[in-house]
Structures are given as C-alpha cells and as structure tokens.
Amino acid sequence: MADCYLTVSQVAKILGTSERFPRRLIAERRIVFVKVGRHVRIPESALNTFIGANTVEPSGHRGGSLRRVA
C-alpha cells in the first residue's frame, strides 16, 4: 500500500495549526519526513503515528477535589 506524502501546509491544516508548528517538528526531528530536493514531505503514516503517540486518553478517575452534587 503506497503512502501519501503531505506538504507542510497540508499537515498544518490537518492538525489545525499554523505552518510554523510542523516546521518546528521537522527542525527538532520529532516527526519523520522526506526531503525531495529542497522540498519537505511528511508521510501520512508518520503523521498518524505522531498523532497517536501524542493522544492523551481520559483516565476515568475523578479527582477528589470535585464535590458531588446531590
């Protein structure tokens, strides 16, 4: 199955951020990317992996600081 390669602007749109954020991820080597000449592309699978690794699941535990309503 072929992977789709996304531009920085496409990644920013998917994440709902400015283009600066994916560029920072690339500069800090926090996401897999491919250089094609001077162009940078991010594989869709790498983006999905990044999102999965940074997804925080709810704990299901209620803190003791909330008061129970009768």
N, C-alpha and C. Protein backbone atom coordinates (compact mmCIF):
# COMPACT_ATOMS: atom_id res chain seq x y z
N MET A 1 0.86 -1.19 0.00
CA MET A 1 0.00 0.00 0.00
C MET A 1 0.90 1.24 0.00
N ALA A 2 0.68 2.11 -0.95
CA ALA A 2 1.50 3.32 -1.09
C ALA A 2 1.11 4.36 -0.05
N ASP A 3 2.12 5.03 0.47
CA ASP A 3 1.90 6.07 1.46
C ASP A 3 1.72 7.41 0.74
N CYS A 4 0.84 8.23 1.25
CA CYS A 4 0.61 9.56 0.69
C CYS A 4 1.56 10.53 1.40
N TYR A 5 2.24 11.36 0.64
CA TYR A 5 3.17 12.34 1.19
C TYR A 5 2.52 13.71 1.22
N LEU A 6 2.55 14.34 2.39
CA LEU A 6 1.86 15.60 2.61
C LEU A 6 2.84 16.76 2.70
N THR A 7 2.40 17.91 2.23
CA THR A 7 3.21 19.12 2.36
C THR A 7 3.06 19.67 3.77
N VAL A 8 3.90 20.59 4.12
CA VAL A 8 3.84 21.22 5.44
C VAL A 8 2.49 21.92 5.63
N SER A 9 2.02 22.57 4.60
CA SER A 9 0.73 23.27 4.72
C SER A 9 -0.43 22.28 4.89
N GLN A 10 -0.37 21.12 4.24
CA GLN A 10 -1.41 20.12 4.41
C GLN A 10 -1.40 19.56 5.83
N VAL A 11 -0.21 19.31 6.36
CA VAL A 11 -0.08 18.81 7.73
C VAL A 11 -0.62 19.85 8.72
N ALA A 12 -0.28 21.11 8.50
CA ALA A 12 -0.77 22.17 9.39
C ALA A 12 -2.30 22.23 9.37
N LYS A 13 -2.88 22.07 8.20
CA LYS A 13 -4.34 22.11 8.09
C LYS A 13 -4.97 20.92 8.82
N ILE A 14 -4.39 19.74 8.68
CA ILE A 14 -4.91 18.55 9.36
C ILE A 14 -4.82 18.72 10.88
N LEU A 15 -3.70 19.26 11.35
CA LEU A 15 -3.52 19.45 12.79
C LEU A 15 -4.24 20.67 13.34
N GLY A 16 -4.67 21.55 12.45
CA GLY A 16 -5.36 22.76 12.89
C GLY A 16 -4.39 23.77 13.48
N THR A 17 -3.19 23.83 12.93
CA THR A 17 -2.17 24.74 13.44
C THR A 17 -1.66 25.62 12.30
N SER A 18 -0.74 26.50 12.64
CA SER A 18 -0.07 27.27 11.60
C SER A 18 1.03 26.39 11.00
N GLU A 19 1.62 26.82 9.90
CA GLU A 19 2.70 26.06 9.27
C GLU A 19 3.95 26.03 10.13
N ARG A 20 4.05 26.94 11.05
CA ARG A 20 5.23 27.00 11.91
C ARG A 20 5.37 25.75 12.78
N PHE A 21 4.26 25.21 13.26
CA PHE A 21 4.32 24.04 14.13
C PHE A 21 4.90 22.81 13.43
N PRO A 22 4.37 22.39 12.26
CA PRO A 22 5.01 21.24 11.60
C PRO A 22 6.46 21.51 11.20
N ARG A 23 6.78 22.73 10.86
CA ARG A 23 8.17 23.06 10.53
C ARG A 23 9.07 22.90 11.76
N ARG A 24 8.54 23.25 12.94
CA ARG A 24 9.30 23.07 14.17
C ARG A 24 9.48 21.59 14.49
N LEU A 25 8.43 20.79 14.25
CA LEU A 25 8.54 19.34 14.45
C LEU A 25 9.64 18.76 13.57
N ILE A 26 9.72 19.24 12.35
CA ILE A 26 10.75 18.79 11.41
C ILE A 26 12.12 19.23 11.89
N ALA A 27 12.26 20.49 12.26
CA ALA A 27 13.56 21.03 12.70
C ALA A 27 14.06 20.31 13.95
N GLU A 28 13.16 19.92 14.84
CA GLU A 28 13.53 19.24 16.07
C GLU A 28 13.59 17.73 15.90
N ARG A 29 13.35 17.26 14.68
CA ARG A 29 13.37 15.83 14.35
C ARG A 29 12.38 15.03 15.21
N ARG A 30 11.21 15.62 15.45
CA ARG A 30 10.18 14.95 16.25
C ARG A 30 9.17 14.22 15.40
N ILE A 31 9.29 14.32 14.06
CA ILE A 31 8.40 13.63 13.14
C ILE A 31 9.22 13.17 11.94
N VAL A 32 8.84 12.04 11.40
CA VAL A 32 9.53 11.50 10.22
C VAL A 32 9.18 12.37 9.01
N PHE A 33 10.20 12.66 8.20
CA PHE A 33 9.95 13.44 6.99
C PHE A 33 10.89 12.98 5.89
N VAL A 34 10.55 13.37 4.66
CA VAL A 34 11.33 13.01 3.48
C VAL A 34 11.71 14.30 2.77
N LYS A 35 12.98 14.40 2.41
CA LYS A 35 13.42 15.56 1.63
C LYS A 35 13.48 15.16 0.16
N VAL A 36 12.80 15.93 -0.67
CA VAL A 36 12.83 15.73 -2.11
C VAL A 36 13.43 17.01 -2.68
N GLY A 37 14.74 16.97 -2.90
CA GLY A 37 15.42 18.20 -3.27
C GLY A 37 15.35 19.15 -2.09
N ARG A 38 14.80 20.33 -2.32
CA ARG A 38 14.65 21.28 -1.21
C ARG A 38 13.27 21.22 -0.58
N HIS A 39 12.43 20.37 -1.11
CA HIS A 39 11.06 20.23 -0.60
C HIS A 39 11.02 19.20 0.52
N VAL A 40 10.13 19.42 1.47
CA VAL A 40 9.96 18.52 2.60
C VAL A 40 8.55 17.94 2.53
N ARG A 41 8.46 16.63 2.68
CA ARG A 41 7.17 15.94 2.68
C ARG A 41 7.10 15.05 3.91
N ILE A 42 5.90 14.94 4.46
CA ILE A 42 5.67 14.10 5.63
C ILE A 42 4.74 12.96 5.22
N PRO A 43 5.19 11.72 5.39
CA PRO A 43 4.30 10.60 5.06
C PRO A 43 3.06 10.61 5.95
N GLU A 44 1.93 10.27 5.37
CA GLU A 44 0.68 10.27 6.12
C GLU A 44 0.76 9.30 7.30
N SER A 45 1.45 8.18 7.11
CA SER A 45 1.60 7.22 8.20
C SER A 45 2.40 7.81 9.35
N ALA A 46 3.41 8.63 9.05
CA ALA A 46 4.21 9.28 10.09
C ALA A 46 3.36 10.28 10.87
N LEU A 47 2.48 10.99 10.17
CA LEU A 47 1.59 11.93 10.84
C LEU A 47 0.63 11.19 11.76
N ASN A 48 0.07 10.07 11.28
CA ASN A 48 -0.84 9.27 12.11
C ASN A 48 -0.12 8.71 13.33
N THR A 49 1.14 8.29 13.17
CA THR A 49 1.94 7.80 14.29
C THR A 49 2.18 8.91 15.30
N PHE A 50 2.52 10.10 14.80
CA PHE A 50 2.76 11.25 15.69
C PHE A 50 1.49 11.59 16.48
N ILE A 51 0.36 11.61 15.79
CA ILE A 51 -0.91 11.93 16.47
C ILE A 51 -1.22 10.86 17.52
N GLY A 52 -1.03 9.60 17.16
CA GLY A 52 -1.30 8.51 18.10
C GLY A 52 -0.40 8.56 19.33
N ALA A 53 0.86 8.89 19.12
CA ALA A 53 1.82 8.94 20.23
C ALA A 53 1.54 10.12 21.15
N ASN A 54 0.87 11.14 20.66
CA ASN A 54 0.61 12.34 21.46
C ASN A 54 -0.84 12.48 21.88
N THR A 55 -1.61 11.42 21.68
CA THR A 55 -3.01 11.42 22.09
C THR A 55 -3.11 11.02 23.55
N VAL A 56 -3.80 11.82 24.32
CA VAL A 56 -3.97 11.56 25.76
C VAL A 56 -5.37 11.02 25.98
N GLU A 57 -5.42 9.81 26.51
CA GLU A 57 -6.71 9.17 26.79
C GLU A 57 -7.22 9.63 28.15
N PRO A 58 -8.55 9.73 28.32
CA PRO A 58 -9.08 10.11 29.63
C PRO A 58 -8.77 9.00 30.65
N SER A 59 -8.49 9.42 31.87
CA SER A 59 -8.10 8.45 32.89
C SER A 59 -9.29 7.73 33.50
N GLY A 60 -10.46 8.35 33.46
CA GLY A 60 -11.63 7.75 34.07
C GLY A 60 -11.66 7.90 35.58
N HIS A 61 -10.62 8.53 36.11
CA HIS A 61 -10.52 8.74 37.55
C HIS A 61 -10.91 10.18 37.87
N ARG A 62 -11.85 10.34 38.75
CA ARG A 62 -12.24 11.67 39.16
C ARG A 62 -11.40 12.09 40.33
N GLY A 63 -10.91 13.30 40.25
CA GLY A 63 -10.11 13.82 41.37
C GLY A 63 -10.96 14.05 42.61
N GLY A 64 -10.36 14.01 43.74
CA GLY A 64 -11.08 14.19 45.00
C GLY A 64 -11.47 15.62 45.25
N SER A 65 -11.02 16.56 44.41
CA SER A 65 -11.31 17.96 44.67
C SER A 65 -12.69 18.39 44.18
N LEU A 66 -13.34 17.56 43.37
CA LEU A 66 -14.67 17.91 42.88
C LEU A 66 -15.73 17.45 43.88
N ARG A 67 -16.65 18.34 44.17
CA ARG A 67 -17.71 17.98 45.10
C ARG A 67 -18.83 17.28 44.35
N ARG A 68 -19.41 16.30 44.98
CA ARG A 68 -20.52 15.57 44.39
C ARG A 68 -21.81 16.34 44.61
N VAL A 69 -22.62 16.46 43.57
CA VAL A 69 -23.90 17.16 43.67
C VAL A 69 -24.96 16.15 44.01
N ALA A 70 -25.84 16.50 44.99
CA ALA A 70 -26.86 15.56 45.47
C ALA A 70 -27.89 15.29 44.44
